[in-house]
Amino acid sequence: MKNILVVSVIGQDKPGLVEQLAAVISQQQGNWLESSFSRLAGQFAGIVKVAVNGDGTLLLAALQALPSLDVRGVLDAEQAELAHAASQSVALSLVGHDRIGIVKDVSTILARFGVNVEKLETWLDSAPMSGETMFHAQALLSAPISVDLGHVRRDLEAIADDLMVEWAE
């Protein structure tokens, strides 16, 4: 019987990390289904969805034996995906002056409306004219169908006068 194993990894970035993961998954007869990886501050982190025969413990143990990576796994994540099916996907873009607590404020509002963050990328850059530090966020969200996204937008815009909020459904 095929089960799903979701594995998260993090370690010092260096060439060959993905190859090491792929080799172990292949050796253990796992089927690499989906993944997302990123490098940040010299660290390499990611998540991999793997189809496995049995309970996946042998594959997880083999991955955890890799000396260069911290590996954790969760078996049968498909059930969580089924519960997630009755929702609407929304892309969110935010731009505003950077300040301490902005991610906390945004995430608090999203959580209050039951909105799940599926993907989040944030970065800072300088405003073209003033040179002030600007905060940017791009997120893929999953909101309950019953949620009025207009109310979510209103509350997000109330965080700061200069915060620009854009949705793409």
N, C-alpha and C. Protein backbone atom coordinates (compact mmCIF):
# COMPACT_ATOMS: atom_id res chain seq x y z
N MET A 1 0.84 -1.18 0.00
CA MET A 1 0.00 0.00 0.00
C MET A 1 0.89 1.24 0.00
N LYS A 2 0.53 2.21 -0.82
CA LYS A 2 1.29 3.46 -0.88
C LYS A 2 0.82 4.41 0.21
N ASN A 3 1.76 4.98 0.90
CA ASN A 3 1.50 6.02 1.87
C ASN A 3 2.28 7.25 1.46
N ILE A 4 1.97 8.35 2.09
CA ILE A 4 2.66 9.60 1.82
C ILE A 4 3.51 9.97 3.03
N LEU A 5 4.77 10.27 2.76
CA LEU A 5 5.70 10.75 3.78
C LEU A 5 6.10 12.17 3.38
N VAL A 6 5.90 13.11 4.29
CA VAL A 6 6.33 14.49 4.05
C VAL A 6 7.55 14.72 4.92
N VAL A 7 8.65 15.12 4.28
CA VAL A 7 9.94 15.26 4.95
C VAL A 7 10.40 16.70 4.86
N SER A 8 10.80 17.26 6.00
CA SER A 8 11.42 18.59 5.99
C SER A 8 12.90 18.43 6.27
N VAL A 9 13.71 19.27 5.61
CA VAL A 9 15.16 19.19 5.75
C VAL A 9 15.73 20.59 5.90
N ILE A 10 16.82 20.68 6.65
CA ILE A 10 17.57 21.94 6.74
C ILE A 10 19.02 21.60 7.02
N GLY A 11 19.90 22.40 6.43
CA GLY A 11 21.32 22.20 6.66
C GLY A 11 22.14 23.29 6.00
N GLN A 12 23.41 23.32 6.33
CA GLN A 12 24.34 24.26 5.72
C GLN A 12 24.34 24.03 4.21
N ASP A 13 24.15 25.09 3.44
CA ASP A 13 24.06 24.94 1.99
C ASP A 13 25.40 24.53 1.40
N LYS A 14 25.34 23.57 0.49
CA LYS A 14 26.51 23.15 -0.28
C LYS A 14 26.01 22.35 -1.48
N PRO A 15 26.80 22.27 -2.53
CA PRO A 15 26.38 21.50 -3.70
C PRO A 15 26.14 20.03 -3.34
N GLY A 16 25.13 19.44 -3.94
CA GLY A 16 24.89 18.01 -3.78
C GLY A 16 23.84 17.62 -2.76
N LEU A 17 23.26 18.56 -2.03
CA LEU A 17 22.28 18.19 -1.01
C LEU A 17 21.03 17.54 -1.61
N VAL A 18 20.51 18.12 -2.68
CA VAL A 18 19.33 17.54 -3.32
C VAL A 18 19.66 16.16 -3.88
N GLU A 19 20.85 16.01 -4.44
CA GLU A 19 21.27 14.71 -4.97
C GLU A 19 21.31 13.67 -3.86
N GLN A 20 21.82 14.05 -2.68
CA GLN A 20 21.86 13.12 -1.55
C GLN A 20 20.46 12.66 -1.17
N LEU A 21 19.54 13.62 -1.08
CA LEU A 21 18.16 13.28 -0.74
C LEU A 21 17.55 12.35 -1.80
N ALA A 22 17.71 12.73 -3.06
CA ALA A 22 17.14 11.94 -4.15
C ALA A 22 17.70 10.53 -4.18
N ALA A 23 18.99 10.39 -3.93
CA ALA A 23 19.62 9.06 -3.94
C ALA A 23 19.04 8.18 -2.84
N VAL A 24 18.90 8.72 -1.63
CA VAL A 24 18.36 7.92 -0.53
C VAL A 24 16.90 7.55 -0.80
N ILE A 25 16.12 8.51 -1.27
CA ILE A 25 14.71 8.24 -1.57
C ILE A 25 14.60 7.14 -2.63
N SER A 26 15.41 7.22 -3.66
CA SER A 26 15.40 6.21 -4.72
C SER A 26 15.85 4.84 -4.20
N GLN A 27 16.93 4.82 -3.41
CA GLN A 27 17.44 3.55 -2.85
C GLN A 27 16.39 2.86 -1.99
N GLN A 28 15.56 3.65 -1.31
CA GLN A 28 14.54 3.10 -0.42
C GLN A 28 13.20 2.88 -1.14
N GLN A 29 13.23 2.97 -2.48
CA GLN A 29 12.04 2.74 -3.30
C GLN A 29 10.94 3.78 -3.08
N GLY A 30 11.33 4.98 -2.68
CA GLY A 30 10.36 6.07 -2.55
C GLY A 30 10.19 6.77 -3.89
N ASN A 31 9.04 7.38 -4.08
CA ASN A 31 8.77 8.13 -5.30
C ASN A 31 8.61 9.60 -4.94
N TRP A 32 9.57 10.42 -5.37
CA TRP A 32 9.59 11.86 -5.12
C TRP A 32 8.43 12.48 -5.88
N LEU A 33 7.43 13.05 -5.17
CA LEU A 33 6.24 13.59 -5.81
C LEU A 33 6.28 15.11 -5.98
N GLU A 34 6.54 15.81 -4.90
CA GLU A 34 6.55 17.27 -4.92
C GLU A 34 7.62 17.76 -3.96
N SER A 35 8.10 18.99 -4.21
CA SER A 35 9.09 19.56 -3.29
C SER A 35 9.16 21.07 -3.45
N SER A 36 9.71 21.69 -2.43
CA SER A 36 10.00 23.12 -2.47
C SER A 36 11.24 23.34 -1.61
N PHE A 37 12.25 23.99 -2.19
CA PHE A 37 13.51 24.24 -1.49
C PHE A 37 13.91 25.69 -1.64
N SER A 38 14.68 26.16 -0.69
CA SER A 38 15.16 27.54 -0.76
C SER A 38 16.46 27.67 0.03
N ARG A 39 17.28 28.62 -0.40
CA ARG A 39 18.52 28.95 0.30
C ARG A 39 18.34 30.32 0.93
N LEU A 40 18.67 30.44 2.20
CA LEU A 40 18.54 31.70 2.91
C LEU A 40 19.61 31.75 3.99
N ALA A 41 20.39 32.82 3.99
CA ALA A 41 21.42 33.05 5.01
C ALA A 41 22.38 31.87 5.13
N GLY A 42 22.74 31.27 4.00
CA GLY A 42 23.69 30.17 4.01
C GLY A 42 23.11 28.82 4.38
N GLN A 43 21.83 28.80 4.68
CA GLN A 43 21.15 27.55 5.02
C GLN A 43 20.28 27.12 3.85
N PHE A 44 20.12 25.81 3.70
CA PHE A 44 19.30 25.24 2.65
C PHE A 44 18.17 24.49 3.35
N ALA A 45 16.93 24.84 3.02
CA ALA A 45 15.79 24.22 3.69
C ALA A 45 14.75 23.83 2.65
N GLY A 46 14.00 22.80 2.98
CA GLY A 46 12.96 22.40 2.05
C GLY A 46 12.04 21.36 2.62
N ILE A 47 11.08 21.02 1.78
CA ILE A 47 10.08 20.02 2.13
C ILE A 47 9.85 19.16 0.90
N VAL A 48 9.71 17.86 1.12
CA VAL A 48 9.54 16.90 0.04
C VAL A 48 8.37 15.98 0.37
N LYS A 49 7.51 15.75 -0.61
CA LYS A 49 6.41 14.80 -0.48
C LYS A 49 6.81 13.55 -1.25
N VAL A 50 6.81 12.40 -0.55
CA VAL A 50 7.30 11.15 -1.12
C VAL A 50 6.23 10.06 -0.95
N ALA A 51 5.97 9.31 -2.01
CA ALA A 51 5.12 8.12 -1.91
C ALA A 51 6.02 6.96 -1.48
N VAL A 52 5.57 6.22 -0.46
CA VAL A 52 6.37 5.12 0.08
C VAL A 52 5.51 3.87 0.22
N ASN A 53 6.17 2.72 0.15
CA ASN A 53 5.51 1.46 0.50
C ASN A 53 5.64 1.29 2.00
N GLY A 54 4.63 0.79 2.65
CA GLY A 54 4.70 0.60 4.09
C GLY A 54 4.56 1.91 4.84
N ASP A 55 5.17 1.94 6.02
CA ASP A 55 4.98 3.11 6.88
C ASP A 55 6.05 4.18 6.73
N GLY A 56 7.05 3.96 5.90
CA GLY A 56 8.05 4.98 5.64
C GLY A 56 9.14 5.11 6.68
N THR A 57 9.13 4.27 7.71
CA THR A 57 10.13 4.41 8.78
C THR A 57 11.54 4.12 8.29
N LEU A 58 11.70 3.15 7.39
CA LEU A 58 13.04 2.85 6.87
C LEU A 58 13.58 4.02 6.05
N LEU A 59 12.73 4.60 5.23
CA LEU A 59 13.16 5.76 4.43
C LEU A 59 13.50 6.93 5.34
N LEU A 60 12.66 7.20 6.32
CA LEU A 60 12.93 8.31 7.22
C LEU A 60 14.23 8.10 7.98
N ALA A 61 14.47 6.88 8.45
CA ALA A 61 15.72 6.58 9.17
C ALA A 61 16.93 6.77 8.25
N ALA A 62 16.81 6.36 7.00
CA ALA A 62 17.93 6.53 6.05
C ALA A 62 18.19 8.01 5.78
N LEU A 63 17.14 8.79 5.66
CA LEU A 63 17.31 10.24 5.45
C LEU A 63 17.92 10.90 6.68
N GLN A 64 17.48 10.48 7.86
CA GLN A 64 18.00 11.07 9.09
C GLN A 64 19.46 10.70 9.32
N ALA A 65 19.94 9.66 8.66
CA ALA A 65 21.35 9.26 8.79
C ALA A 65 22.27 10.14 7.95
N LEU A 66 21.71 10.97 7.07
CA LEU A 66 22.56 11.89 6.29
C LEU A 66 23.23 12.86 7.25
N PRO A 67 24.56 12.95 7.22
CA PRO A 67 25.27 13.75 8.22
C PRO A 67 25.11 15.26 8.05
N SER A 68 24.76 15.71 6.88
CA SER A 68 24.76 17.16 6.62
C SER A 68 23.39 17.81 6.76
N LEU A 69 22.35 17.03 7.09
CA LEU A 69 21.00 17.57 7.13
C LEU A 69 20.26 17.18 8.41
N ASP A 70 19.45 18.10 8.90
CA ASP A 70 18.50 17.80 9.97
C ASP A 70 17.20 17.44 9.27
N VAL A 71 16.70 16.23 9.47
CA VAL A 71 15.55 15.72 8.74
C VAL A 71 14.44 15.33 9.72
N ARG A 72 13.22 15.72 9.39
CA ARG A 72 12.04 15.32 10.16
C ARG A 72 10.97 14.86 9.18
N GLY A 73 10.10 13.97 9.62
CA GLY A 73 9.08 13.46 8.71
C GLY A 73 7.73 13.27 9.36
N VAL A 74 6.69 13.33 8.53
CA VAL A 74 5.31 13.11 8.95
C VAL A 74 4.70 12.14 7.95
N LEU A 75 4.11 11.07 8.45
CA LEU A 75 3.50 10.07 7.58
C LEU A 75 2.03 10.39 7.34
N ASP A 76 1.57 10.10 6.13
CA ASP A 76 0.17 10.18 5.73
C ASP A 76 -0.40 11.59 5.83
N ALA A 77 0.24 12.51 5.18
CA ALA A 77 -0.23 13.89 5.15
C ALA A 77 -1.43 14.06 4.23
N GLU A 78 -1.82 13.02 3.49
CA GLU A 78 -2.97 13.12 2.58
C GLU A 78 -4.25 13.47 3.33
N GLN A 79 -4.40 12.98 4.55
CA GLN A 79 -5.61 13.27 5.31
C GLN A 79 -5.77 14.76 5.56
N ALA A 80 -4.67 15.44 5.84
CA ALA A 80 -4.71 16.89 6.04
C ALA A 80 -5.12 17.59 4.75
N GLU A 81 -4.67 17.08 3.61
CA GLU A 81 -5.03 17.69 2.33
C GLU A 81 -6.51 17.54 2.05
N LEU A 82 -7.11 16.41 2.42
CA LEU A 82 -8.54 16.22 2.21
C LEU A 82 -9.35 17.22 3.03
N ALA A 83 -8.95 17.48 4.26
CA ALA A 83 -9.65 18.44 5.11
C ALA A 83 -9.51 19.85 4.56
N HIS A 84 -8.48 20.08 3.80
CA HIS A 84 -8.17 21.39 3.25
C HIS A 84 -8.94 21.70 1.97
N ALA A 85 -9.64 20.70 1.42
CA ALA A 85 -10.23 20.83 0.09
C ALA A 85 -11.33 21.88 -0.01
N ALA A 86 -12.12 22.13 1.02
CA ALA A 86 -13.24 23.08 0.96
C ALA A 86 -12.78 24.50 1.27
N SER A 87 -11.88 25.01 0.45
CA SER A 87 -11.36 26.35 0.68
C SER A 87 -11.10 27.04 -0.65
N GLN A 88 -10.84 28.33 -0.57
CA GLN A 88 -10.51 29.11 -1.76
C GLN A 88 -9.05 29.54 -1.69
N SER A 89 -8.36 29.43 -2.82
CA SER A 89 -6.96 29.85 -2.89
C SER A 89 -6.90 31.32 -3.28
N VAL A 90 -6.03 32.06 -2.61
CA VAL A 90 -5.89 33.49 -2.85
C VAL A 90 -4.41 33.85 -2.82
N ALA A 91 -3.98 34.66 -3.77
CA ALA A 91 -2.61 35.18 -3.75
C ALA A 91 -2.66 36.57 -3.13
N LEU A 92 -1.77 36.84 -2.20
CA LEU A 92 -1.72 38.11 -1.49
C LEU A 92 -0.37 38.77 -1.73
N SER A 93 -0.40 40.06 -2.00
CA SER A 93 0.82 40.85 -2.16
C SER A 93 0.73 42.05 -1.22
N LEU A 94 1.76 42.26 -0.43
CA LEU A 94 1.82 43.38 0.51
C LEU A 94 3.09 44.19 0.26
N VAL A 95 2.97 45.51 0.34
CA VAL A 95 4.12 46.41 0.28
C VAL A 95 3.85 47.55 1.25
N GLY A 96 4.82 47.85 2.09
CA GLY A 96 4.70 48.97 3.03
C GLY A 96 6.02 49.23 3.71
N HIS A 97 6.08 50.31 4.49
CA HIS A 97 7.29 50.61 5.24
C HIS A 97 7.56 49.50 6.24
N ASP A 98 8.81 49.08 6.34
CA ASP A 98 9.18 48.02 7.26
C ASP A 98 9.11 48.53 8.69
N ARG A 99 8.71 47.64 9.58
CA ARG A 99 8.71 47.94 11.01
C ARG A 99 8.68 46.63 11.78
N ILE A 100 9.12 46.68 13.01
CA ILE A 100 9.08 45.49 13.86
C ILE A 100 7.63 45.07 14.06
N GLY A 101 7.36 43.78 13.91
CA GLY A 101 6.03 43.24 14.18
C GLY A 101 5.08 43.17 13.00
N ILE A 102 5.51 43.58 11.82
CA ILE A 102 4.59 43.60 10.69
C ILE A 102 4.13 42.19 10.31
N VAL A 103 5.02 41.20 10.33
CA VAL A 103 4.61 39.83 10.01
C VAL A 103 3.68 39.29 11.08
N LYS A 104 3.94 39.62 12.33
CA LYS A 104 3.04 39.20 13.42
C LYS A 104 1.66 39.79 13.22
N ASP A 105 1.58 41.07 12.89
CA ASP A 105 0.28 41.71 12.70
C ASP A 105 -0.49 41.09 11.54
N VAL A 106 0.19 40.86 10.44
CA VAL A 106 -0.46 40.26 9.27
C VAL A 106 -0.93 38.85 9.60
N SER A 107 -0.06 38.04 10.20
CA SER A 107 -0.42 36.65 10.49
C SER A 107 -1.53 36.55 11.53
N THR A 108 -1.58 37.49 12.46
CA THR A 108 -2.66 37.50 13.46
C THR A 108 -4.01 37.72 12.79
N ILE A 109 -4.06 38.65 11.85
CA ILE A 109 -5.32 38.92 11.13
C ILE A 109 -5.72 37.70 10.31
N LEU A 110 -4.78 37.12 9.59
CA LEU A 110 -5.10 35.95 8.78
C LEU A 110 -5.63 34.81 9.65
N ALA A 111 -4.99 34.56 10.78
CA ALA A 111 -5.42 33.49 11.67
C ALA A 111 -6.81 33.76 12.24
N ARG A 112 -7.10 35.01 12.55
CA ARG A 112 -8.41 35.37 13.10
C ARG A 112 -9.54 35.00 12.12
N PHE A 113 -9.27 35.11 10.83
CA PHE A 113 -10.27 34.77 9.82
C PHE A 113 -10.18 33.29 9.39
N GLY A 114 -9.29 32.53 10.00
CA GLY A 114 -9.14 31.12 9.66
C GLY A 114 -8.42 30.90 8.34
N VAL A 115 -7.63 31.88 7.92
CA VAL A 115 -6.90 31.80 6.66
C VAL A 115 -5.56 31.12 6.91
N ASN A 116 -5.25 30.12 6.10
CA ASN A 116 -4.01 29.36 6.23
C ASN A 116 -2.97 29.90 5.25
N VAL A 117 -1.75 30.07 5.73
CA VAL A 117 -0.64 30.49 4.87
C VAL A 117 0.00 29.23 4.30
N GLU A 118 -0.09 29.07 2.97
CA GLU A 118 0.49 27.90 2.32
C GLU A 118 1.90 28.16 1.82
N LYS A 119 2.15 29.39 1.42
CA LYS A 119 3.48 29.77 0.96
C LYS A 119 3.67 31.24 1.30
N LEU A 120 4.85 31.60 1.78
CA LEU A 120 5.13 32.98 2.16
C LEU A 120 6.57 33.31 1.81
N GLU A 121 6.74 34.39 1.08
CA GLU A 121 8.07 34.93 0.79
C GLU A 121 8.06 36.39 1.19
N THR A 122 9.07 36.80 1.95
CA THR A 122 9.19 38.19 2.37
C THR A 122 10.59 38.68 2.05
N TRP A 123 10.70 39.99 1.81
CA TRP A 123 12.00 40.59 1.57
C TRP A 123 11.91 42.09 1.82
N LEU A 124 13.08 42.68 1.97
CA LEU A 124 13.20 44.13 2.16
C LEU A 124 13.97 44.72 0.99
N ASP A 125 13.61 45.96 0.65
CA ASP A 125 14.42 46.72 -0.30
C ASP A 125 14.24 48.20 0.00
N SER A 126 14.96 49.02 -0.72
CA SER A 126 14.91 50.47 -0.51
C SER A 126 13.91 51.10 -1.46
N ALA A 127 13.14 52.05 -0.94
CA ALA A 127 12.22 52.81 -1.78
C ALA A 127 13.04 53.63 -2.77
N PRO A 128 12.60 53.72 -4.03
CA PRO A 128 13.40 54.38 -5.07
C PRO A 128 13.77 55.83 -4.76
N MET A 129 12.84 56.62 -4.30
CA MET A 129 13.10 58.04 -4.10
C MET A 129 13.68 58.35 -2.72
N SER A 130 13.06 57.78 -1.68
CA SER A 130 13.43 58.15 -0.31
C SER A 130 14.54 57.29 0.27
N GLY A 131 14.72 56.08 -0.25
CA GLY A 131 15.71 55.17 0.31
C GLY A 131 15.23 54.47 1.57
N GLU A 132 13.98 54.72 1.99
CA GLU A 132 13.45 54.07 3.18
C GLU A 132 13.31 52.57 2.94
N THR A 133 13.41 51.80 4.02
CA THR A 133 13.30 50.36 3.91
C THR A 133 11.84 49.96 3.74
N MET A 134 11.58 49.21 2.66
CA MET A 134 10.23 48.76 2.35
C MET A 134 10.13 47.25 2.57
N PHE A 135 9.02 46.85 3.16
CA PHE A 135 8.70 45.44 3.39
C PHE A 135 7.83 44.94 2.24
N HIS A 136 8.18 43.77 1.72
CA HIS A 136 7.38 43.13 0.66
C HIS A 136 7.02 41.72 1.12
N ALA A 137 5.82 41.30 0.79
CA ALA A 137 5.41 39.92 1.05
C ALA A 137 4.57 39.42 -0.12
N GLN A 138 4.82 38.19 -0.50
CA GLN A 138 4.00 37.48 -1.47
C GLN A 138 3.57 36.20 -0.77
N ALA A 139 2.26 35.95 -0.76
CA ALA A 139 1.76 34.77 -0.07
C ALA A 139 0.70 34.06 -0.90
N LEU A 140 0.68 32.76 -0.76
CA LEU A 140 -0.41 31.96 -1.28
C LEU A 140 -1.20 31.51 -0.06
N LEU A 141 -2.47 31.85 -0.05
CA LEU A 141 -3.31 31.60 1.11
C LEU A 141 -4.44 30.65 0.76
N SER A 142 -4.95 29.98 1.78
CA SER A 142 -6.13 29.14 1.65
C SER A 142 -7.15 29.64 2.67
N ALA A 143 -8.27 30.17 2.18
CA ALA A 143 -9.28 30.75 3.06
C ALA A 143 -10.55 29.92 3.01
N PRO A 144 -11.22 29.77 4.15
CA PRO A 144 -12.52 29.09 4.12
C PRO A 144 -13.45 29.81 3.14
N ILE A 145 -14.27 29.05 2.44
CA ILE A 145 -15.17 29.63 1.45
C ILE A 145 -16.10 30.65 2.10
N SER A 146 -16.42 30.46 3.37
CA SER A 146 -17.34 31.36 4.07
C SER A 146 -16.73 32.71 4.42
N VAL A 147 -15.41 32.86 4.29
CA VAL A 147 -14.74 34.10 4.68
C VAL A 147 -14.93 35.17 3.60
N ASP A 148 -15.33 36.35 4.04
CA ASP A 148 -15.44 37.51 3.15
C ASP A 148 -14.05 38.14 3.04
N LEU A 149 -13.42 37.97 1.88
CA LEU A 149 -12.06 38.47 1.70
C LEU A 149 -11.99 39.99 1.79
N GLY A 150 -13.09 40.66 1.55
CA GLY A 150 -13.13 42.12 1.72
C GLY A 150 -12.88 42.52 3.16
N HIS A 151 -13.39 41.74 4.10
CA HIS A 151 -13.16 42.02 5.52
C HIS A 151 -11.70 41.78 5.89
N VAL A 152 -11.12 40.73 5.33
CA VAL A 152 -9.71 40.44 5.58
C VAL A 152 -8.86 41.59 5.05
N ARG A 153 -9.15 42.03 3.84
CA ARG A 153 -8.40 43.14 3.23
C ARG A 153 -8.52 44.41 4.07
N ARG A 154 -9.72 44.72 4.51
CA ARG A 154 -9.95 45.91 5.34
C ARG A 154 -9.07 45.87 6.59
N ASP A 155 -9.05 44.72 7.26
CA ASP A 155 -8.26 44.61 8.48
C ASP A 155 -6.75 44.67 8.19
N LEU A 156 -6.33 44.09 7.08
CA LEU A 156 -4.91 44.18 6.71
C LEU A 156 -4.51 45.62 6.41
N GLU A 157 -5.35 46.33 5.69
CA GLU A 157 -5.04 47.73 5.35
C GLU A 157 -5.02 48.62 6.59
N ALA A 158 -5.71 48.21 7.65
CA ALA A 158 -5.73 48.99 8.89
C ALA A 158 -4.43 48.86 9.68
N ILE A 159 -3.56 47.93 9.31
CA ILE A 159 -2.29 47.76 10.02
C ILE A 159 -1.47 49.03 9.94
N ALA A 160 -1.42 49.64 8.75
CA ALA A 160 -0.64 50.87 8.56
C ALA A 160 -1.22 51.63 7.37
N ASP A 161 -1.15 52.95 7.44
CA ASP A 161 -1.68 53.79 6.36
C ASP A 161 -1.01 53.51 5.02
N ASP A 162 0.25 53.15 5.05
CA ASP A 162 0.99 52.98 3.80
C ASP A 162 1.03 51.55 3.28
N LEU A 163 0.35 50.62 3.96
CA LEU A 163 0.41 49.22 3.54
C LEU A 163 -0.51 48.98 2.34
N MET A 164 0.09 48.60 1.22
CA MET A 164 -0.69 48.29 0.01
C MET A 164 -0.99 46.80 0.00
N VAL A 165 -2.27 46.47 -0.16
CA VAL A 165 -2.74 45.09 -0.15
C VAL A 165 -3.36 44.79 -1.51
N GLU A 166 -2.87 43.73 -2.16
CA GLU A 166 -3.44 43.30 -3.44
C GLU A 166 -3.79 41.82 -3.36
N TRP A 167 -4.97 41.47 -3.89
CA TRP A 167 -5.44 40.09 -3.95
C TRP A 167 -5.47 39.62 -5.39
N ALA A 168 -5.27 38.36 -5.60
CA ALA A 168 -5.53 37.71 -6.88
C ALA A 168 -6.18 36.37 -6.57
N GLU A 169 -7.43 36.24 -6.97
CA GLU A 169 -8.16 34.99 -6.68
C GLU A 169 -8.06 34.03 -7.82
